[in-house]
Amino acid sequence: MTHALMQRAQSRSARRTILKSMFAVLALSAGLAACGSGGDEEVRYHASWTGALSDAAQSLPGFPPPAVQVFDNQTVRQVVRVSLGSTAIRIKVSNLFGKTPIAISGIRVARSSGASNIDAGTDRAVTFGGQRSLTLAPGSDMLSDAIDLPVAPLSNVAVSMYFATRTEVATVHALGRQTAYVGAGDQSAAAAIPTTAASQLESYYALTAVESISIAQAKVVVTFGDSITDGFNSTVNAAKRYPNQLDDRLKAAGFAQTSVVNGGISGNRWLNDFVGPNGNGRFERDVVNVAGVTHTIILLGINDIGFASFVPAQAVSAQQITAAMATAVGKAKARGIKVYLATLLPFKGAGYYSVDGEAKRQAVNAFIRANRDIDGVVDFDRAMQNPADPLAMNPAYDSGDHLHPNDAGYAAMAAAIDLAKLQ
């Protein structure tokens, strides 16, 4: 075949792929309209899982930058728990913090059946504008075409990315609390990826969202915060973060069309970068622009208080923290999002606790409790405090560092939220 003929054949094939994808979306939309919406509801995407992104190469002033993860002729299989049941999904990939383009040679999704295993009968190739490979420019992200993969609420989905050539992935969600499996070569369609401890990671790479196709009345609750929202010290691979356990409560109560997604970044602060962009700098991306967002629960500020122990030049006042909160609240309310501010948890005994820091925490919590511009307060401080010493965390909820809850503590946080306010 001549080069010209090959090009025409490839062009026809690409057009067929794009048309097939378009027909799939139309069929899925029609199916949803026929199954309960009566044709009157708009079919749209809603966030079903999110991972807020940070720059893997960033460090605190005076500290050396960390090494960035490199993949080279390797597949990384990442497991996410979706919140909403759906007949179809799409994924979002990102090179937000990359300094150079990244090439992903192929992505596949399937239902996860535990560890690195997938249900091979559900394996699907992911396309972007009909193409199976993609290159992401620095600072960019991309949504996939619709993927005809029915999923159940609170089920796990495996996203397998193949990097054929050496690729630095600086755009990450560092605290995964979920194992990612790395295998040699293209194993994106493999029923399982044989791995050793050395080839298992606990971060998410270039993956930032899974969205479910659903009818318009679905609600999306974005939990925004730091490591306590991100689930630090919760059990790995067990979905025991407080947002997960809140999601469990909602589904058990019959709220199948309410999604809970996690916008936490471990180490995050309102006013300074690291870890992650500062809270105000990322609030629009990680809350306001999340697909289908209707509510947000905001728990952020304890690191602004405590990090002064590590970097005194970045010390901030309680008034600066509350002003940042007010700015975020204004952004959300301007878009019609219901806002719940959460009080900062007790932290006496934590590595960066101080009397001055405690005074700031009390001032911030007083501001939150008196706030009249929000839809409500989630009082995690009172739910988590030690009855014998209210400045400290209840020992039954303490993971051991006097700052982060254990699984039972995260359950107590989830239980402190009035489900009716999320409807």
Protein backbone atom coordinates (compact mmCIF):
# COMPACT_ATOMS: atom_id res chain seq x y z
CA MET A 1 0.00 0.00 0.00
CA THR A 2 1.33 3.48 -0.89
CA HIS A 3 1.93 6.09 1.79
CA ALA A 4 -1.02 8.17 0.50
CA LEU A 5 -3.36 5.18 0.59
CA MET A 6 -2.21 4.33 4.11
CA GLN A 7 -2.93 7.89 5.24
CA ARG A 8 -6.43 7.76 3.73
CA ALA A 9 -7.11 4.41 5.40
CA GLN A 10 -5.91 5.71 8.75
CA SER A 11 -8.06 8.82 8.33
CA ARG A 12 -11.15 6.70 7.59
CA SER A 13 -10.39 4.54 10.62
CA ALA A 14 -10.05 7.59 12.87
CA ARG A 15 -13.37 8.98 11.58
CA ARG A 16 -15.09 5.66 12.28
CA THR A 17 -13.68 5.63 15.81
CA ILE A 18 -14.89 9.17 16.51
CA LEU A 19 -18.36 8.43 15.09
CA LYS A 20 -18.54 5.25 17.14
CA SER A 21 -17.71 7.22 20.28
CA MET A 22 -20.36 9.84 19.44
CA PHE A 23 -23.01 7.18 18.86
CA ALA A 24 -22.08 5.53 22.15
CA VAL A 25 -22.63 8.79 24.03
CA LEU A 26 -25.97 9.35 22.28
CA ALA A 27 -27.08 5.81 23.04
CA LEU A 28 -26.06 6.12 26.67
CA SER A 29 -27.87 9.45 26.99
CA ALA A 30 -31.02 8.01 25.41
CA GLY A 31 -30.83 5.02 27.71
CA LEU A 32 -30.66 7.20 30.77
CA ALA A 33 -33.56 9.32 29.55
CA ALA A 34 -35.62 6.17 29.09
CA CYS A 35 -34.68 4.81 32.51
CA GLY A 36 -36.27 7.21 34.93
CA SER A 37 -35.75 10.78 33.71
CA GLY A 38 -38.83 10.77 31.49
CA GLY A 39 -36.85 12.66 28.88
CA ASP A 40 -37.14 15.88 30.89
CA GLU A 41 -33.81 15.78 32.69
CA GLU A 42 -30.55 16.89 31.17
CA VAL A 43 -27.92 14.17 31.01
CA ARG A 44 -24.57 15.41 32.29
CA TYR A 45 -21.40 14.29 34.04
CA HIS A 46 -20.87 14.45 37.78
CA ALA A 47 -17.63 13.95 39.68
CA SER A 48 -17.52 10.45 41.15
CA TRP A 49 -13.88 10.44 42.28
CA THR A 50 -11.29 13.22 42.41
CA GLY A 51 -7.67 13.53 43.38
CA ALA A 52 -6.50 17.10 44.01
CA LEU A 53 -3.15 17.68 42.33
CA SER A 54 0.22 18.92 43.55
CA ASP A 55 3.71 19.36 42.13
CA ALA A 56 5.90 16.39 43.02
CA ALA A 57 9.04 18.51 42.56
CA GLN A 58 8.02 21.23 45.03
CA SER A 59 9.68 21.60 48.42
CA LEU A 60 9.69 23.90 51.42
CA PRO A 61 12.21 26.78 51.42
CA GLY A 62 15.57 25.46 52.54
CA PHE A 63 14.70 21.83 51.82
CA PRO A 64 15.92 19.85 48.76
CA PRO A 65 13.30 19.02 46.11
CA PRO A 66 12.09 15.41 46.10
CA ALA A 67 12.69 13.00 43.22
CA VAL A 68 9.93 12.88 40.62
CA GLN A 69 8.46 9.50 39.66
CA VAL A 70 9.66 8.21 36.28
CA PHE A 71 7.92 5.55 34.19
CA ASP A 72 9.81 3.95 31.28
CA ASN A 73 8.15 1.21 29.21
CA GLN A 74 5.94 0.54 32.22
CA THR A 75 2.28 0.30 33.12
CA VAL A 76 0.87 1.83 36.29
CA ARG A 77 -2.51 0.51 37.44
CA GLN A 78 -4.31 2.94 39.74
CA VAL A 79 -7.42 1.97 41.70
CA VAL A 80 -10.14 4.48 42.59
CA ARG A 81 -13.43 4.10 44.43
CA VAL A 82 -16.27 5.75 42.54
CA SER A 83 -19.14 7.32 44.47
CA LEU A 84 -21.96 7.18 41.92
CA GLY A 85 -23.41 4.24 40.07
CA SER A 86 -23.51 4.86 36.34
CA THR A 87 -23.86 3.30 32.91
CA ALA A 88 -20.78 5.15 31.65
CA ILE A 89 -17.82 7.12 32.91
CA ARG A 90 -15.05 9.32 31.64
CA ILE A 91 -11.67 10.16 33.15
CA LYS A 92 -9.59 13.31 33.37
CA VAL A 93 -5.80 13.21 33.06
CA SER A 94 -3.46 16.10 33.77
CA ASN A 95 0.01 17.51 33.28
CA LEU A 96 -0.76 20.58 35.36
CA PHE A 97 2.68 20.84 36.96
CA GLY A 98 4.80 19.28 34.23
CA LYS A 99 7.58 21.33 32.69
CA THR A 100 7.62 19.22 29.52
CA PRO A 101 4.93 17.31 27.58
CA ILE A 102 4.05 13.82 28.76
CA ALA A 103 3.08 11.07 26.35
CA ILE A 104 0.70 8.33 27.48
CA SER A 105 0.74 5.49 24.97
CA GLY A 106 -2.51 3.94 26.14
CA ILE A 107 -5.06 3.93 28.95
CA ARG A 108 -7.55 1.20 29.81
CA VAL A 109 -10.20 0.97 32.52
CA ALA A 110 -11.95 -2.00 34.08
CA ARG A 111 -13.73 -2.97 37.24
CA SER A 112 -11.20 -3.80 39.92
CA SER A 113 -11.49 -7.20 41.57
CA GLY A 114 -8.94 -6.58 44.31
CA ALA A 115 -5.22 -5.80 44.47
CA SER A 116 -3.90 -5.49 40.87
CA ASN A 117 -6.64 -7.78 39.51
CA ILE A 118 -9.37 -6.67 37.12
CA ASP A 119 -12.53 -8.24 35.79
CA ALA A 120 -11.15 -8.84 32.29
CA GLY A 121 -14.62 -8.95 30.78
CA THR A 122 -15.10 -5.29 31.70
CA ASP A 123 -11.78 -4.07 30.28
CA ARG A 124 -12.20 -1.05 27.99
CA ALA A 125 -9.80 1.04 25.95
CA VAL A 126 -9.96 4.77 26.74
CA THR A 127 -9.92 7.24 23.87
CA PHE A 128 -9.42 10.99 23.66
CA GLY A 129 -11.06 12.45 20.59
CA GLY A 130 -11.09 8.93 19.19
CA GLN A 131 -7.37 8.38 19.75
CA ARG A 132 -5.91 5.82 22.16
CA SER A 133 -2.66 7.66 22.81
CA LEU A 134 -2.28 11.26 23.89
CA THR A 135 0.30 13.90 24.63
CA LEU A 136 -0.39 16.43 27.37
CA ALA A 137 1.28 19.81 27.09
CA PRO A 138 2.67 21.39 30.26
CA GLY A 139 -0.13 22.91 32.31
CA SER A 140 -2.90 21.09 30.47
CA ASP A 141 -5.46 18.43 31.21
CA MET A 142 -7.82 16.38 29.06
CA LEU A 143 -11.14 14.60 29.43
CA SER A 144 -11.63 11.24 27.75
CA ASP A 145 -14.45 10.22 25.48
CA ALA A 146 -17.38 8.41 27.10
CA ILE A 147 -16.44 4.91 28.29
CA ASP A 148 -19.23 2.33 28.14
CA LEU A 149 -18.46 0.80 31.54
CA PRO A 150 -21.36 0.31 33.96
CA VAL A 151 -20.22 0.76 37.56
CA ALA A 152 -21.93 0.33 40.91
CA PRO A 153 -21.83 3.00 43.63
CA LEU A 154 -18.90 2.62 46.05
CA SER A 155 -17.13 0.17 43.71
CA ASN A 156 -13.50 0.17 42.62
CA VAL A 157 -12.32 0.96 39.11
CA ALA A 158 -8.80 0.27 37.83
CA VAL A 159 -7.21 2.83 35.50
CA SER A 160 -4.12 1.42 33.75
CA MET A 161 -1.73 3.82 32.01
CA TYR A 162 1.08 2.67 29.74
CA PHE A 163 4.14 4.91 29.30
CA ALA A 164 6.15 3.52 26.38
CA THR A 165 9.04 5.94 26.75
CA ARG A 166 10.83 7.52 29.70
CA THR A 167 8.36 9.95 31.27
CA GLU A 168 8.65 12.09 34.39
CA VAL A 169 5.24 12.56 36.00
CA ALA A 170 5.36 15.61 38.24
CA THR A 171 1.58 16.02 38.50
CA VAL A 172 0.45 13.80 41.34
CA HIS A 173 -1.90 13.24 44.19
CA ALA A 174 0.78 12.22 46.64
CA LEU A 175 -1.18 10.66 49.52
CA GLY A 176 -3.08 7.90 47.78
CA ARG A 177 -3.76 5.54 50.73
CA GLN A 178 -4.40 3.12 47.86
CA THR A 179 -1.84 0.86 46.23
CA ALA A 180 -0.83 1.57 42.63
CA TYR A 181 0.79 -1.33 40.78
CA VAL A 182 3.67 -0.91 38.34
CA GLY A 183 4.58 -3.57 35.78
CA ALA A 184 7.13 -3.84 32.96
CA GLY A 185 5.93 -3.22 29.41
CA ASP A 186 2.35 -2.74 28.27
CA GLN A 187 0.23 -4.62 30.80
CA SER A 188 -2.71 -2.24 30.63
CA ALA A 189 -5.07 -5.06 29.58
CA ALA A 190 -3.54 -7.73 31.84
CA ALA A 191 -5.91 -9.54 34.20
CA ALA A 192 -3.34 -8.92 36.95
CA ILE A 193 0.02 -7.16 37.14
CA PRO A 194 2.61 -9.28 38.97
CA THR A 195 4.36 -6.94 41.37
CA THR A 196 6.71 -6.91 44.30
CA ALA A 197 6.75 -4.48 47.19
CA ALA A 198 9.33 -2.48 45.26
CA SER A 199 6.91 -1.97 42.36
CA GLN A 200 3.99 -0.81 44.47
CA LEU A 201 3.31 2.88 45.04
CA GLU A 202 0.76 4.83 47.05
CA SER A 203 0.16 7.92 44.94
CA TYR A 204 -1.94 8.83 41.92
CA TYR A 205 -0.11 9.89 38.76
CA ALA A 206 -1.54 12.24 36.09
CA LEU A 207 -5.06 11.09 37.06
CA THR A 208 -7.34 13.67 38.61
CA ALA A 209 -10.99 12.69 38.12
CA VAL A 210 -13.48 10.01 37.22
CA GLU A 211 -16.86 11.37 36.21
CA SER A 212 -20.14 9.46 35.94
CA ILE A 213 -22.91 10.14 33.47
CA SER A 214 -26.11 10.73 35.38
CA ILE A 215 -29.28 12.75 35.45
CA ALA A 216 -29.40 16.40 36.48
CA GLN A 217 -30.65 15.98 40.03
CA ALA A 218 -27.46 14.28 41.22
CA LYS A 219 -25.58 16.19 43.90
CA VAL A 220 -21.81 16.42 44.41
CA VAL A 221 -20.24 17.18 47.79
CA VAL A 222 -16.60 18.27 47.59
CA THR A 223 -14.67 17.83 50.85
CA PHE A 224 -11.85 20.38 50.76
CA GLY A 225 -8.89 20.36 53.09
CA ASP A 226 -5.52 18.98 54.13
CA SER A 227 -4.25 15.60 55.37
CA ILE A 228 -7.22 15.10 57.68
CA THR A 229 -9.52 15.21 54.66
CA ASP A 230 -6.98 13.30 52.55
CA GLY A 231 -7.04 10.46 55.09
CA PHE A 232 -3.52 10.44 56.51
CA ASN A 233 -2.99 7.41 58.79
CA SER A 234 -6.22 5.74 57.64
CA THR A 235 -5.91 2.09 56.63
CA VAL A 236 -4.43 1.66 53.14
CA ASN A 237 -6.81 0.16 50.54
CA ALA A 238 -9.74 0.26 52.96
CA ALA A 239 -11.49 3.57 52.04
CA LYS A 240 -11.64 4.75 55.67
CA ARG A 241 -11.00 8.46 55.05
CA TYR A 242 -13.77 10.61 56.51
CA PRO A 243 -15.16 11.50 53.03
CA ASN A 244 -15.39 7.78 52.20
CA GLN A 245 -17.19 7.03 55.45
CA LEU A 246 -19.52 9.99 54.87
CA ASP A 247 -20.25 8.50 51.44
CA ASP A 248 -20.97 5.13 53.08
CA ARG A 249 -23.49 6.81 55.39
CA LEU A 250 -25.22 8.59 52.52
CA LYS A 251 -25.57 5.45 50.43
CA ALA A 252 -26.80 3.42 53.42
CA ALA A 253 -29.43 6.13 54.04
CA GLY A 254 -30.67 5.81 50.46
CA PHE A 255 -29.00 8.87 48.93
CA ALA A 256 -27.73 7.02 45.85
CA GLN A 257 -27.56 10.17 43.74
CA THR A 258 -25.32 12.13 46.11
CA SER A 259 -21.60 11.90 45.34
CA VAL A 260 -18.82 12.64 47.81
CA VAL A 261 -15.40 13.45 46.37
CA ASN A 262 -12.13 14.27 48.08
CA GLY A 263 -10.39 17.60 47.53
CA GLY A 264 -7.83 17.16 50.30
CA ILE A 265 -4.07 17.52 49.91
CA SER A 266 -1.91 16.32 52.78
CA GLY A 267 0.11 19.24 54.17
CA ASN A 268 -1.99 21.88 52.42
CA ARG A 269 -2.38 25.46 53.72
CA TRP A 270 -4.52 28.46 52.90
CA LEU A 271 -1.76 31.02 52.47
CA ASN A 272 1.44 29.33 51.33
CA ASP A 273 2.25 26.79 48.66
CA PHE A 274 3.54 23.35 49.71
CA VAL A 275 2.17 20.83 49.93
CA GLY A 276 0.12 21.63 46.87
CA PRO A 277 -0.90 25.07 45.67
CA ASN A 278 -2.24 27.23 48.50
CA GLY A 279 -5.90 26.76 49.36
CA ASN A 280 -7.16 29.97 47.77
CA GLY A 281 -5.03 29.33 44.70
CA ARG A 282 -6.56 25.92 44.07
CA PHE A 283 -10.09 26.45 45.39
CA GLU A 284 -11.67 27.22 42.03
CA ARG A 285 -10.07 24.22 40.34
CA ASP A 286 -10.63 21.75 43.17
CA VAL A 287 -14.09 22.89 44.30
CA VAL A 288 -15.85 25.47 42.15
CA ASN A 289 -15.04 23.82 38.81
CA VAL A 290 -15.63 20.22 39.88
CA ALA A 291 -18.24 18.64 37.62
CA GLY A 292 -21.71 18.94 39.15
CA VAL A 293 -20.61 20.40 42.50
CA THR A 294 -23.50 21.45 44.74
CA HIS A 295 -21.99 21.41 48.26
CA THR A 296 -18.59 21.79 49.89
CA ILE A 297 -17.29 20.99 53.37
CA ILE A 298 -14.15 23.03 54.10
CA LEU A 299 -11.61 21.91 56.73
CA LEU A 300 -8.31 23.76 56.30
CA GLY A 301 -6.01 25.88 58.44
CA ILE A 302 -4.22 23.75 61.02
CA ASN A 303 -1.06 23.56 58.86
CA ASP A 304 -1.07 27.35 58.43
CA ILE A 305 -0.86 27.46 62.21
CA GLY A 306 1.61 24.65 62.79
CA PHE A 307 4.05 25.03 59.90
CA ALA A 308 5.52 28.15 61.50
CA SER A 309 7.49 25.70 63.66
CA PHE A 310 9.31 24.51 60.52
CA VAL A 311 9.45 27.75 58.53
CA PRO A 312 9.10 30.77 60.87
CA ALA A 313 9.11 33.17 57.92
CA GLN A 314 5.76 31.67 56.84
CA ALA A 315 3.97 32.30 60.15
CA VAL A 316 0.45 33.67 59.65
CA SER A 317 -2.17 35.18 61.92
CA ALA A 318 -5.63 33.85 62.70
CA GLN A 319 -7.03 36.89 60.88
CA GLN A 320 -5.15 35.94 57.71
CA ILE A 321 -6.56 32.42 57.90
CA THR A 322 -10.14 33.58 58.41
CA ALA A 323 -9.81 36.12 55.60
CA ALA A 324 -8.72 33.31 53.28
CA MET A 325 -11.71 31.26 54.40
CA ALA A 326 -14.02 34.19 53.69
CA THR A 327 -12.58 34.55 50.19
CA ALA A 328 -13.22 30.87 49.44
CA VAL A 329 -16.73 31.07 50.83
CA GLY A 330 -17.43 34.04 48.56
CA LYS A 331 -16.20 32.15 45.50
CA ALA A 332 -18.41 29.18 46.27
CA LYS A 333 -21.52 31.18 47.14
CA ALA A 334 -21.17 33.19 43.93
CA ARG A 335 -21.62 29.92 42.04
CA GLY A 336 -24.59 28.76 44.11
CA ILE A 337 -22.63 26.13 46.05
CA LYS A 338 -23.76 25.38 49.60
CA VAL A 339 -20.87 25.91 52.01
CA TYR A 340 -20.18 24.22 55.35
CA LEU A 341 -17.15 25.32 57.33
CA ALA A 342 -15.62 22.76 59.68
CA THR A 343 -13.89 23.70 62.92
CA LEU A 344 -10.22 22.76 63.30
CA LEU A 345 -9.62 19.58 65.29
CA PRO A 346 -7.79 19.55 68.66
CA PHE A 347 -4.02 19.10 68.23
CA LYS A 348 -2.43 19.32 71.67
CA GLY A 349 0.55 16.97 71.75
CA ALA A 350 1.15 17.12 67.98
CA GLY A 351 4.70 17.75 66.82
CA TYR A 352 4.01 21.36 65.90
CA TYR A 353 1.63 22.24 68.75
CA SER A 354 2.26 25.45 70.70
CA VAL A 355 0.34 27.66 73.09
CA ASP A 356 0.38 30.43 70.49
CA GLY A 357 -0.88 28.01 67.85
CA GLU A 358 -3.71 26.90 70.13
CA ALA A 359 -4.77 30.52 70.58
CA LYS A 360 -4.94 30.87 66.78
CA ARG A 361 -6.99 27.67 66.47
CA GLN A 362 -9.48 28.95 69.04
CA ALA A 363 -9.79 32.26 67.18
CA VAL A 364 -10.35 30.51 63.84
CA ASN A 365 -12.97 28.21 65.34
CA ALA A 366 -14.76 31.17 66.94
CA PHE A 367 -14.90 32.83 63.51
CA ILE A 368 -16.34 29.67 61.95
CA ARG A 369 -19.01 29.20 64.61
CA ALA A 370 -20.11 32.85 64.34
CA ASN A 371 -20.11 32.93 60.52
CA ARG A 372 -23.41 34.03 59.01
CA ASP A 373 -22.38 33.82 55.36
CA ILE A 374 -22.34 30.03 55.21
CA ASP A 375 -24.98 27.32 55.16
CA GLY A 376 -23.80 25.66 58.33
CA VAL A 377 -20.99 24.59 60.63
CA VAL A 378 -19.57 21.08 61.02
CA ASP A 379 -18.11 21.09 64.54
CA PHE A 380 -15.30 18.56 64.24
CA ASP A 381 -13.54 20.21 67.20
CA ARG A 382 -16.28 19.20 69.64
CA ALA A 383 -16.86 15.81 67.99
CA MET A 384 -13.20 14.83 68.28
CA GLN A 385 -11.99 16.38 71.55
CA ASN A 386 -10.95 14.44 74.62
CA PRO A 387 -13.66 14.94 77.31
CA ALA A 388 -10.90 15.08 79.94
CA ASP A 389 -8.82 17.61 77.98
CA PRO A 390 -10.73 19.46 75.22
CA LEU A 391 -7.50 20.80 73.70
CA ALA A 392 -6.45 17.24 72.81
CA MET A 393 -7.97 14.62 70.55
CA ASN A 394 -10.03 11.83 72.09
CA PRO A 395 -7.56 8.93 72.56
CA ALA A 396 -10.10 6.54 71.03
CA TYR A 397 -9.89 8.54 67.79
CA ASP A 398 -6.16 9.34 67.77
CA SER A 399 -3.95 7.57 65.23
CA GLY A 400 -1.00 8.16 67.55
CA ASP A 401 0.40 11.49 66.40
CA HIS A 402 -2.25 13.58 68.22
CA LEU A 403 -3.10 15.34 64.95
CA HIS A 404 -4.61 12.76 62.58
CA PRO A 405 -7.55 10.51 63.43
CA ASN A 406 -7.52 6.74 63.09
CA ASP A 407 -10.24 4.87 61.19
CA ALA A 408 -12.63 5.19 64.15
CA GLY A 409 -11.86 8.89 64.35
CA TYR A 410 -12.62 9.39 60.68
CA ALA A 411 -15.90 7.52 61.27
CA ALA A 412 -16.70 9.92 64.11
CA MET A 413 -16.06 12.85 61.78
CA ALA A 414 -18.39 11.39 59.18
CA ALA A 415 -21.02 10.81 61.86
CA ALA A 416 -20.83 14.48 62.93
CA ILE A 417 -22.25 15.63 59.58
CA ASP A 418 -26.02 16.05 59.24
CA LEU A 419 -26.90 14.13 56.05
CA ALA A 420 -30.05 16.17 55.53
CA LYS A 421 -27.92 19.25 54.90
CA LEU A 422 -26.33 17.58 51.89
CA GLN A 423 -29.64 17.15 50.06
